[in-house]
Full PDB file with SEQRES, HELIX, SHEET, SSBOND, CRYST1, ORIGX, SCALE, CONECT and MASTER records, all heavy atoms in Angstrom:
SEQRES   1 A   36  ASP GLU MET ARG SER ARG LEU ALA LEU LEU LEU LYS ARG          
SEQRES   2 A   36  LEU ARG HIS GLY ASP HIS CYS ASP ILE ILE LEU LEU ALA          
SEQRES   3 A   36  GLY SER PRO GLY GLY ARG PRO THR MET LEU                      
HELIX    1 AA1 GLU A    2  LYS A   12  1                                  11    
CRYST1    1.000    1.000    1.000  90.00  90.00  90.00 P 1           1          
ORIGX1      1.000000  0.000000  0.000000        0.00000                         
ORIGX2      0.000000  1.000000  0.000000        0.00000                         
ORIGX3      0.000000  0.000000  1.000000        0.00000                         
SCALE1      1.000000  0.000000  0.000000        0.00000                         
SCALE2      0.000000  1.000000  0.000000        0.00000                         
SCALE3      0.000000  0.000000  1.000000        0.00000                         
ATOM      1  N   ASP A   1     102.794 262.993 165.658  1.00  0.00           N  
ATOM      2  CA  ASP A   1     102.104 262.426 164.499  1.00  0.00           C  
ATOM      3  C   ASP A   1     102.755 262.870 163.191  1.00  0.00           C  
ATOM      4  O   ASP A   1     102.959 262.059 162.273  1.00  0.00           O  
ATOM      5  CB  ASP A   1     100.627 262.833 164.516  1.00  0.00           C  
ATOM      6  CG  ASP A   1      99.909 262.317 165.759  1.00  0.00           C  
ATOM      7  OD1 ASP A   1     100.368 261.290 166.310  1.00  0.00           O  
ATOM      8  OD2 ASP A   1      98.926 262.942 166.176  1.00  0.00           O  
ATOM      9  N   GLU A   2     103.088 264.158 163.104  1.00  0.00           N  
ATOM     10  CA  GLU A   2     103.733 264.660 161.895  1.00  0.00           C  
ATOM     11  C   GLU A   2     105.120 264.036 161.715  1.00  0.00           C  
ATOM     12  O   GLU A   2     105.523 263.700 160.592  1.00  0.00           O  
ATOM     13  CB  GLU A   2     103.848 266.188 161.981  1.00  0.00           C  
ATOM     14  CG  GLU A   2     104.538 266.844 160.816  1.00  0.00           C  
ATOM     15  CD  GLU A   2     103.751 266.759 159.531  1.00  0.00           C  
ATOM     16  OE1 GLU A   2     102.528 266.502 159.589  1.00  0.00           O  
ATOM     17  OE2 GLU A   2     104.348 266.956 158.458  1.00  0.00           O  
ATOM     18  N   MET A   3     105.836 263.848 162.807  1.00  0.00           N  
ATOM     19  CA  MET A   3     107.169 263.264 162.723  1.00  0.00           C  
ATOM     20  C   MET A   3     107.105 261.804 162.284  1.00  0.00           C  
ATOM     21  O   MET A   3     107.920 261.356 161.453  1.00  0.00           O  
ATOM     22  CB  MET A   3     107.863 263.385 164.074  1.00  0.00           C  
ATOM     23  CG  MET A   3     109.273 262.836 164.100  1.00  0.00           C  
ATOM     24  SD  MET A   3     110.139 263.183 165.652  1.00  0.00           S  
ATOM     25  CE  MET A   3     109.032 262.410 166.834  1.00  0.00           C  
ATOM     26  N   ARG A   4     106.148 261.054 162.778  1.00  0.00           N  
ATOM     27  CA  ARG A   4     106.028 259.648 162.388  1.00  0.00           C  
ATOM     28  C   ARG A   4     105.653 259.499 160.917  1.00  0.00           C  
ATOM     29  O   ARG A   4     106.142 258.582 160.235  1.00  0.00           O  
ATOM     30  CB  ARG A   4     105.002 258.945 163.276  1.00  0.00           C  
ATOM     31  CG  ARG A   4     105.505 258.660 164.691  1.00  0.00           C  
ATOM     32  CD  ARG A   4     104.451 257.963 165.523  1.00  0.00           C  
ATOM     33  NE  ARG A   4     104.922 257.644 166.856  1.00  0.00           N  
ATOM     34  CZ  ARG A   4     105.461 256.477 167.209  1.00  0.00           C  
ATOM     35  NH1 ARG A   4     105.593 255.527 166.293  1.00  0.00           N  
ATOM     36  NH2 ARG A   4     105.849 256.251 168.432  1.00  0.00           N  
ATOM     37  N   SER A   5     104.799 260.381 160.420  1.00  0.00           N  
ATOM     38  CA  SER A   5     104.428 260.305 158.997  1.00  0.00           C  
ATOM     39  C   SER A   5     105.622 260.623 158.102  1.00  0.00           C  
ATOM     40  O   SER A   5     105.841 259.970 157.077  1.00  0.00           O  
ATOM     41  CB  SER A   5     103.266 261.248 158.705  1.00  0.00           C  
ATOM     42  OG  SER A   5     103.643 262.597 158.944  1.00  0.00           O  
ATOM     43  N   ARG A   6     106.438 261.593 158.501  1.00  0.00           N  
ATOM     44  CA  ARG A   6     107.630 261.913 157.713  1.00  0.00           C  
ATOM     45  C   ARG A   6     108.662 260.803 157.803  1.00  0.00           C  
ATOM     46  O   ARG A   6     109.389 260.543 156.838  1.00  0.00           O  
ATOM     47  CB  ARG A   6     108.224 263.236 158.192  1.00  0.00           C  
ATOM     48  CG  ARG A   6     107.319 264.426 157.947  1.00  0.00           C  
ATOM     49  CD  ARG A   6     108.075 265.733 158.067  1.00  0.00           C  
ATOM     50  NE  ARG A   6     107.205 266.887 157.903  1.00  0.00           N  
ATOM     51  CZ  ARG A   6     107.635 268.131 157.764  1.00  0.00           C  
ATOM     52  NH1 ARG A   6     108.932 268.382 157.771  1.00  0.00           N  
ATOM     53  NH2 ARG A   6     106.787 269.127 157.626  1.00  0.00           N  
ATOM     54  N   LEU A   7     108.750 260.154 158.941  1.00  0.00           N  
ATOM     55  CA  LEU A   7     109.667 259.028 159.074  1.00  0.00           C  
ATOM     56  C   LEU A   7     109.273 257.894 158.124  1.00  0.00           C  
ATOM     57  O   LEU A   7     110.140 257.280 157.476  1.00  0.00           O  
ATOM     58  CB  LEU A   7     109.671 258.533 160.514  1.00  0.00           C  
ATOM     59  CG  LEU A   7     110.505 257.281 160.807  1.00  0.00           C  
ATOM     60  CD1 LEU A   7     111.981 257.554 160.571  1.00  0.00           C  
ATOM     61  CD2 LEU A   7     110.269 256.795 162.234  1.00  0.00           C  
ATOM     62  N   ALA A   8     107.967 257.612 158.014  1.00  0.00           N  
ATOM     63  CA  ALA A   8     107.516 256.557 157.107  1.00  0.00           C  
ATOM     64  C   ALA A   8     107.858 256.888 155.655  1.00  0.00           C  
ATOM     65  O   ALA A   8     108.273 256.008 154.888  1.00  0.00           O  
ATOM     66  CB  ALA A   8     106.017 256.345 157.269  1.00  0.00           C  
ATOM     67  N   LEU A   9     107.734 258.146 155.254  1.00  0.00           N  
ATOM     68  CA  LEU A   9     108.083 258.535 153.888  1.00  0.00           C  
ATOM     69  C   LEU A   9     109.577 258.385 153.622  1.00  0.00           C  
ATOM     70  O   LEU A   9     109.989 257.979 152.530  1.00  0.00           O  
ATOM     71  CB  LEU A   9     107.632 259.976 153.629  1.00  0.00           C  
ATOM     72  CG  LEU A   9     106.123 260.227 153.611  1.00  0.00           C  
ATOM     73  CD1 LEU A   9     105.824 261.710 153.448  1.00  0.00           C  
ATOM     74  CD2 LEU A   9     105.452 259.430 152.497  1.00  0.00           C  
ATOM     75  N   LEU A  10     110.394 258.733 154.605  1.00  0.00           N  
ATOM     76  CA  LEU A  10     111.838 258.605 154.426  1.00  0.00           C  
ATOM     77  C   LEU A  10     112.269 257.148 154.347  1.00  0.00           C  
ATOM     78  O   LEU A  10     113.225 256.816 153.627  1.00  0.00           O  
ATOM     79  CB  LEU A  10     112.565 259.293 155.578  1.00  0.00           C  
ATOM     80  CG  LEU A  10     112.484 260.824 155.617  1.00  0.00           C  
ATOM     81  CD1 LEU A  10     113.074 261.349 156.918  1.00  0.00           C  
ATOM     82  CD2 LEU A  10     113.218 261.427 154.426  1.00  0.00           C  
ATOM     83  N   LEU A  11     111.596 256.271 155.049  1.00  0.00           N  
ATOM     84  CA  LEU A  11     111.960 254.857 155.016  1.00  0.00           C  
ATOM     85  C   LEU A  11     111.492 254.168 153.736  1.00  0.00           C  
ATOM     86  O   LEU A  11     112.089 253.179 153.306  1.00  0.00           O  
ATOM     87  CB  LEU A  11     111.385 254.134 156.235  1.00  0.00           C  
ATOM     88  CG  LEU A  11     111.929 254.584 157.601  1.00  0.00           C  
ATOM     89  CD1 LEU A  11     111.281 253.789 158.714  1.00  0.00           C  
ATOM     90  CD2 LEU A  11     113.438 254.450 157.672  1.00  0.00           C  
ATOM     91  N   LYS A  12     110.434 254.691 153.108  1.00  0.00           N  
ATOM     92  CA  LYS A  12     109.926 254.065 151.883  1.00  0.00           C  
ATOM     93  C   LYS A  12     110.865 254.234 150.698  1.00  0.00           C  
ATOM     94  O   LYS A  12     110.825 253.453 149.754  1.00  0.00           O  
ATOM     95  CB  LYS A  12     108.554 254.649 151.541  1.00  0.00           C  
ATOM     96  CG  LYS A  12     107.430 254.134 152.416  1.00  0.00           C  
ATOM     97  CD  LYS A  12     106.099 254.719 151.978  1.00  0.00           C  
ATOM     98  CE  LYS A  12     104.974 254.183 152.850  1.00  0.00           C  
ATOM     99  NZ  LYS A  12     103.659 254.762 152.472  1.00  0.00           N  
ATOM    100  N   ARG A  13     111.715 255.245 150.707  1.00  0.00           N  
ATOM    101  CA  ARG A  13     112.581 255.486 149.561  1.00  0.00           C  
ATOM    102  C   ARG A  13     113.831 254.598 149.563  1.00  0.00           C  
ATOM    103  O   ARG A  13     114.623 254.644 148.633  1.00  0.00           O  
ATOM    104  CB  ARG A  13     113.022 256.943 149.535  1.00  0.00           C  
ATOM    105  CG  ARG A  13     113.960 257.352 150.651  1.00  0.00           C  
ATOM    106  CD  ARG A  13     114.424 258.760 150.452  1.00  0.00           C  
ATOM    107  NE  ARG A  13     115.449 259.159 151.419  1.00  0.00           N  
ATOM    108  CZ  ARG A  13     116.243 260.215 151.275  1.00  0.00           C  
ATOM    109  NH1 ARG A  13     116.122 260.982 150.220  1.00  0.00           N  
ATOM    110  NH2 ARG A  13     117.138 260.505 152.180  1.00  0.00           N  
ATOM    111  N   LEU A  14     114.022 253.803 150.592  1.00  0.00           N  
ATOM    112  CA  LEU A  14     115.205 252.950 150.685  1.00  0.00           C  
ATOM    113  C   LEU A  14     115.054 251.733 149.792  1.00  0.00           C  
ATOM    114  O   LEU A  14     113.966 251.175 149.647  1.00  0.00           O  
ATOM    115  CB  LEU A  14     115.419 252.516 152.135  1.00  0.00           C  
ATOM    116  CG  LEU A  14     115.710 253.650 153.129  1.00  0.00           C  
ATOM    117  CD1 LEU A  14     115.705 253.115 154.554  1.00  0.00           C  
ATOM    118  CD2 LEU A  14     117.042 254.307 152.817  1.00  0.00           C  
ATOM    119  N   ARG A  15     116.173 251.300 149.180  1.00  0.00           N  
ATOM    120  CA  ARG A  15     116.188 250.144 148.279  1.00  0.00           C  
ATOM    121  C   ARG A  15     117.142 249.089 148.812  1.00  0.00           C  
ATOM    122  O   ARG A  15     117.806 249.288 149.829  1.00  0.00           O  
ATOM    123  CB  ARG A  15     116.639 250.576 146.874  1.00  0.00           C  
ATOM    124  CG  ARG A  15     115.880 251.737 146.284  1.00  0.00           C  
ATOM    125  CD  ARG A  15     116.237 251.903 144.824  1.00  0.00           C  
ATOM    126  NE  ARG A  15     117.664 252.092 144.620  1.00  0.00           N  
ATOM    127  CZ  ARG A  15     118.242 253.270 144.464  1.00  0.00           C  
ATOM    128  NH1 ARG A  15     117.501 254.365 144.530  1.00  0.00           N  
ATOM    129  NH2 ARG A  15     119.544 253.370 144.260  1.00  0.00           N  
ATOM    130  N   HIS A  16     117.212 247.985 148.089  1.00  0.00           N  
ATOM    131  CA  HIS A  16     118.169 246.936 148.441  1.00  0.00           C  
ATOM    132  C   HIS A  16     119.585 247.481 148.277  1.00  0.00           C  
ATOM    133  O   HIS A  16     119.906 248.128 147.279  1.00  0.00           O  
ATOM    134  CB  HIS A  16     117.967 245.717 147.543  1.00  0.00           C  
ATOM    135  CG  HIS A  16     116.694 244.975 147.826  1.00  0.00           C  
ATOM    136  ND1 HIS A  16     116.538 244.154 148.918  1.00  0.00           N  
ATOM    137  CD2 HIS A  16     115.513 244.950 147.150  1.00  0.00           C  
ATOM    138  CE1 HIS A  16     115.321 243.642 148.913  1.00  0.00           C  
ATOM    139  NE2 HIS A  16     114.674 244.105 147.854  1.00  0.00           N  
ATOM    140  N   GLY A  17     120.445 247.200 149.259  1.00  0.00           N  
ATOM    141  CA  GLY A  17     121.806 247.704 149.233  1.00  0.00           C  
ATOM    142  C   GLY A  17     122.006 248.988 149.998  1.00  0.00           C  
ATOM    143  O   GLY A  17     123.150 249.384 150.247  1.00  0.00           O  
ATOM    144  N   ASP A  18     120.912 249.676 150.357  1.00  0.00           N  
ATOM    145  CA  ASP A  18     121.018 250.904 151.144  1.00  0.00           C  
ATOM    146  C   ASP A  18     121.209 250.569 152.626  1.00  0.00           C  
ATOM    147  O   ASP A  18     121.005 249.431 153.065  1.00  0.00           O  
ATOM    148  CB  ASP A  18     119.770 251.764 150.963  1.00  0.00           C  
ATOM    149  CG  ASP A  18     119.646 252.316 149.554  1.00  0.00           C  
ATOM    150  OD1 ASP A  18     120.675 252.348 148.851  1.00  0.00           O  
ATOM    151  OD2 ASP A  18     118.532 252.693 149.153  1.00  0.00           O  
ATOM    152  N   HIS A  19     121.593 251.591 153.377  1.00  0.00           N  
ATOM    153  CA  HIS A  19     121.748 251.466 154.833  1.00  0.00           C  
ATOM    154  C   HIS A  19     120.947 252.576 155.505  1.00  0.00           C  
ATOM    155  O   HIS A  19     120.865 253.692 154.985  1.00  0.00           O  
ATOM    156  CB  HIS A  19     123.219 251.571 155.245  1.00  0.00           C  
ATOM    157  CG  HIS A  19     124.093 250.517 154.663  1.00  0.00           C  
ATOM    158  ND1 HIS A  19     124.289 249.297 155.261  1.00  0.00           N  
ATOM    159  CD2 HIS A  19     124.808 250.496 153.509  1.00  0.00           C  
ATOM    160  CE1 HIS A  19     125.104 248.565 154.514  1.00  0.00           C  
ATOM    161  NE2 HIS A  19     125.439 249.275 153.442  1.00  0.00           N  
ATOM    162  N   CYS A  20     120.383 252.251 156.665  1.00  0.00           N  
ATOM    163  CA  CYS A  20     119.592 253.240 157.401  1.00  0.00           C  
ATOM    164  C   CYS A  20     119.807 253.042 158.894  1.00  0.00           C  
ATOM    165  O   CYS A  20     119.851 251.905 159.385  1.00  0.00           O  
ATOM    166  CB  CYS A  20     118.106 253.108 157.061  1.00  0.00           C  
ATOM    167  SG  CYS A  20     117.065 254.326 157.913  1.00  0.00           S  
ATOM    168  N   ASP A  21     119.991 254.153 159.592  1.00  0.00           N  
ATOM    169  CA  ASP A  21     120.107 254.147 161.053  1.00  0.00           C  
ATOM    170  C   ASP A  21     119.188 255.228 161.614  1.00  0.00           C  
ATOM    171  O   ASP A  21     119.175 256.359 161.113  1.00  0.00           O  
ATOM    172  CB  ASP A  21     121.545 254.419 161.506  1.00  0.00           C  
ATOM    173  CG  ASP A  21     122.511 253.346 161.022  1.00  0.00           C  
ATOM    174  OD1 ASP A  21     122.262 252.168 161.321  1.00  0.00           O  
ATOM    175  OD2 ASP A  21     123.494 253.696 160.334  1.00  0.00           O  
ATOM    176  N   ILE A  22     118.435 254.875 162.638  1.00  0.00           N  
ATOM    177  CA  ILE A  22     117.560 255.816 163.338  1.00  0.00           C  
ATOM    178  C   ILE A  22     118.129 256.017 164.736  1.00  0.00           C  
ATOM    179  O   ILE A  22     118.192 255.074 165.533  1.00  0.00           O  
ATOM    180  CB  ILE A  22     116.111 255.297 163.411  1.00  0.00           C  
ATOM    181  CG1 ILE A  22     115.573 255.003 162.003  1.00  0.00           C  
ATOM    182  CG2 ILE A  22     115.221 256.303 164.118  1.00  0.00           C  
ATOM    183  CD1 ILE A  22     114.216 254.349 162.005  1.00  0.00           C  
ATOM    184  N   ILE A  23     118.584 257.231 165.027  1.00  0.00           N  
ATOM    185  CA  ILE A  23     119.192 257.551 166.319  1.00  0.00           C  
ATOM    186  C   ILE A  23     118.170 258.335 167.141  1.00  0.00           C  
ATOM    187  O   ILE A  23     117.688 259.387 166.709  1.00  0.00           O  
ATOM    188  CB  ILE A  23     120.483 258.362 166.143  1.00  0.00           C  
ATOM    189  CG1 ILE A  23     121.511 257.535 165.348  1.00  0.00           C  
ATOM    190  CG2 ILE A  23     121.063 258.746 167.493  1.00  0.00           C  
ATOM    191  CD1 ILE A  23     122.814 258.248 165.122  1.00  0.00           C  
ATOM    192  N   LEU A  24     117.842 257.832 168.319  1.00  0.00           N  
ATOM    193  CA  LEU A  24     116.872 258.477 169.207  1.00  0.00           C  
ATOM    194  C   LEU A  24     117.587 259.531 170.041  1.00  0.00           C  
ATOM    195  O   LEU A  24     118.599 259.241 170.686  1.00  0.00           O  
ATOM    196  CB  LEU A  24     116.200 257.440 170.100  1.00  0.00           C  
ATOM    197  CG  LEU A  24     115.567 256.241 169.373  1.00  0.00           C  
ATOM    198  CD1 LEU A  24     114.911 255.306 170.368  1.00  0.00           C  
ATOM    199  CD2 LEU A  24     114.574 256.704 168.320  1.00  0.00           C  
ATOM    200  N   LEU A  25     117.063 260.750 170.034  1.00  0.00           N  
ATOM    201  CA  LEU A  25     117.729 261.868 170.705  1.00  0.00           C  
ATOM    202  C   LEU A  25     117.554 261.848 172.208  1.00  0.00           C  
ATOM    203  O   LEU A  25     118.436 262.297 172.941  1.00  0.00           O  
ATOM    204  CB  LEU A  25     117.209 263.195 170.138  1.00  0.00           C  
ATOM    205  CG  LEU A  25     117.526 263.483 168.670  1.00  0.00           C  
ATOM    206  CD1 LEU A  25     117.016 264.859 168.279  1.00  0.00           C  
ATOM    207  CD2 LEU A  25     119.015 263.396 168.408  1.00  0.00           C  
ATOM    208  N   ALA A  26     116.428 261.371 172.711  1.00  0.00           N  
ATOM    209  CA  ALA A  26     116.174 261.404 174.155  1.00  0.00           C  
ATOM    210  C   ALA A  26     117.071 260.400 174.863  1.00  0.00           C  
ATOM    211  O   ALA A  26     117.096 259.218 174.516  1.00  0.00           O  
ATOM    212  CB  ALA A  26     114.708 261.103 174.452  1.00  0.00           C  
ATOM    213  N   GLY A  27     117.816 260.876 175.826  1.00  0.00           N  
ATOM    214  CA  GLY A  27     118.706 260.004 176.581  1.00  0.00           C  
ATOM    215  C   GLY A  27     119.461 260.805 177.612  1.00  0.00           C  
ATOM    216  O   GLY A  27     119.301 262.020 177.746  1.00  0.00           O  
ATOM    217  N   SER A  28     120.298 260.131 178.359  1.00  0.00           N  
ATOM    218  CA  SER A  28     121.093 260.800 179.381  1.00  0.00           C  
ATOM    219  C   SER A  28     122.257 261.539 178.741  1.00  0.00           C  
ATOM    220  O   SER A  28     122.884 261.025 177.805  1.00  0.00           O  
ATOM    221  CB  SER A  28     121.624 259.775 180.380  1.00  0.00           C  
ATOM    222  OG  SER A  28     122.398 258.792 179.718  1.00  0.00           O  
ATOM    223  N   PRO A  29     122.571 262.754 179.214  1.00  0.00           N  
ATOM    224  CA  PRO A  29     123.684 263.504 178.619  1.00  0.00           C  
ATOM    225  C   PRO A  29     125.004 262.770 178.775  1.00  0.00           C  
ATOM    226  O   PRO A  29     125.324 262.240 179.825  1.00  0.00           O  
ATOM    227  CB  PRO A  29     123.678 264.824 179.415  1.00  0.00           C  
ATOM    228  CG  PRO A  29     122.311 264.915 180.011  1.00  0.00           C  
ATOM    229  CD  PRO A  29     121.881 263.505 180.266  1.00  0.00           C  
ATOM    230  N   GLY A  30     125.781 262.749 177.694  1.00  0.00           N  
ATOM    231  CA  GLY A  30     127.069 262.080 177.706  1.00  0.00           C  
ATOM    232  C   GLY A  30     127.000 260.581 177.502  1.00  0.00           C  
ATOM    233  O   GLY A  30     128.046 259.930 177.414  1.00  0.00           O  
ATOM    234  N   GLY A  31     125.804 260.016 177.411  1.00  0.00           N  
ATOM    235  CA  GLY A  31     125.660 258.577 177.206  1.00  0.00           C  
ATOM    236  C   GLY A  31     125.584 258.222 175.732  1.00  0.00           C  
ATOM    237  O   GLY A  31     125.515 259.081 174.849  1.00  0.00           O  
ATOM    238  N   ARG A  32     125.604 256.925 175.476  1.00  0.00           N  
ATOM    239  CA  ARG A  32     125.513 256.429 174.114  1.00  0.00           C  
ATOM    240  C   ARG A  32     124.056 256.420 173.679  1.00  0.00           C  
ATOM    241  O   ARG A  32     123.214 255.797 174.317  1.00  0.00           O  
ATOM    242  CB  ARG A  32     126.081 255.017 174.035  1.00  0.00           C  
ATOM    243  CG  ARG A  32     126.321 254.521 172.623  1.00  0.00           C  
ATOM    244  CD  ARG A  32     127.477 255.231 171.999  1.00  0.00           C  
ATOM    245  NE  ARG A  32     127.735 254.744 170.645  1.00  0.00           N  
ATOM    246  CZ  ARG A  32     128.599 255.270 169.818  1.00  0.00           C  
ATOM    247  NH1 ARG A  32     129.317 256.325 170.219  1.00  0.00           N  
ATOM    248  NH2 ARG A  32     128.805 254.788 168.619  1.00  0.00           N  
ATOM    249  N   PRO A  33     123.705 257.128 172.585  1.00  0.00           N  
ATOM    250  CA  PRO A  33     122.293 257.176 172.194  1.00  0.00           C  
ATOM    251  C   PRO A  33     121.823 255.830 171.641  1.00  0.00           C  
ATOM    252  O   PRO A  33     122.620 255.033 171.133  1.00  0.00           O  
ATOM    253  CB  PRO A  33     122.277 258.262 171.106  1.00  0.00           C  
ATOM    254  CG  PRO A  33     123.660 258.282 170.558  1.00  0.00           C  
ATOM    255  CD  PRO A  33     124.563 257.934 171.708  1.00  0.00           C  
ATOM    256  N   THR A  34     120.531 255.609 171.756  1.00  0.00           N  
ATOM    257  CA  THR A  34     119.920 254.393 171.223  1.00  0.00           C  
ATOM    258  C   THR A  34     119.840 254.482 169.709  1.00  0.00           C  
ATOM    259  O   THR A  34     119.413 255.497 169.162  1.00  0.00           O  
ATOM    260  CB  THR A  34     118.529 254.190 171.818  1.00  0.00           C  
ATOM    261  OG1 THR A  34     118.632 254.168 173.247  1.00  0.00           O  
ATOM    262  CG2 THR A  34     117.915 252.902 171.339  1.00  0.00           C  
ATOM    263  N   MET A  35     120.237 253.394 169.020  1.00  0.00           N  
ATOM    264  CA  MET A  35     120.256 253.386 167.558  1.00  0.00           C  
ATOM    265  C   MET A  35     119.492 252.176 167.045  1.00  0.00           C  
ATOM    266  O   MET A  35     119.685 251.053 167.527  1.00  0.00           O  
ATOM    267  CB  MET A  35     121.700 253.373 167.033  1.00  0.00           C  
ATOM    268  CG  MET A  35     121.817 253.375 165.514  1.00  0.00           C  
ATOM    269  SD  MET A  35     123.541 253.260 164.963  1.00  0.00           S  
ATOM    270  CE  MET A  35     124.264 254.708 165.719  1.00  0.00           C  
ATOM    271  N   LEU A  36     118.609 252.407 166.077  1.00  0.00           N  
ATOM    272  CA  LEU A  36     117.870 251.347 165.403  1.00  0.00           C  
ATOM    273  C   LEU A  36     118.347 251.256 163.961  1.00  0.00           C  
ATOM    274  O   LEU A  36     118.457 252.280 163.284  1.00  0.00           O  
ATOM    275  CB  LEU A  36     116.361 251.612 165.446  1.00  0.00           C  
ATOM    276  CG  LEU A  36     115.740 251.852 166.834  1.00  0.00           C  
ATOM    277  CD1 LEU A  36     114.262 252.207 166.697  1.00  0.00           C  
ATOM    278  CD2 LEU A  36     115.917 250.641 167.725  1.00  0.00           C  
TER     279      LEU A  36                                                      
MASTER        0    0    0    1    0    0    0    6  278    1    0    3          
END                                                                             
């Protein structure tokens, strides 16, 4: 819950022209992580 609230605050500061990537840490070792 605390992590999701902080994620929402970090996403609100983005403006037009900015770039954002969210990389999910949970995954198989040595594999390509999931990116949003």
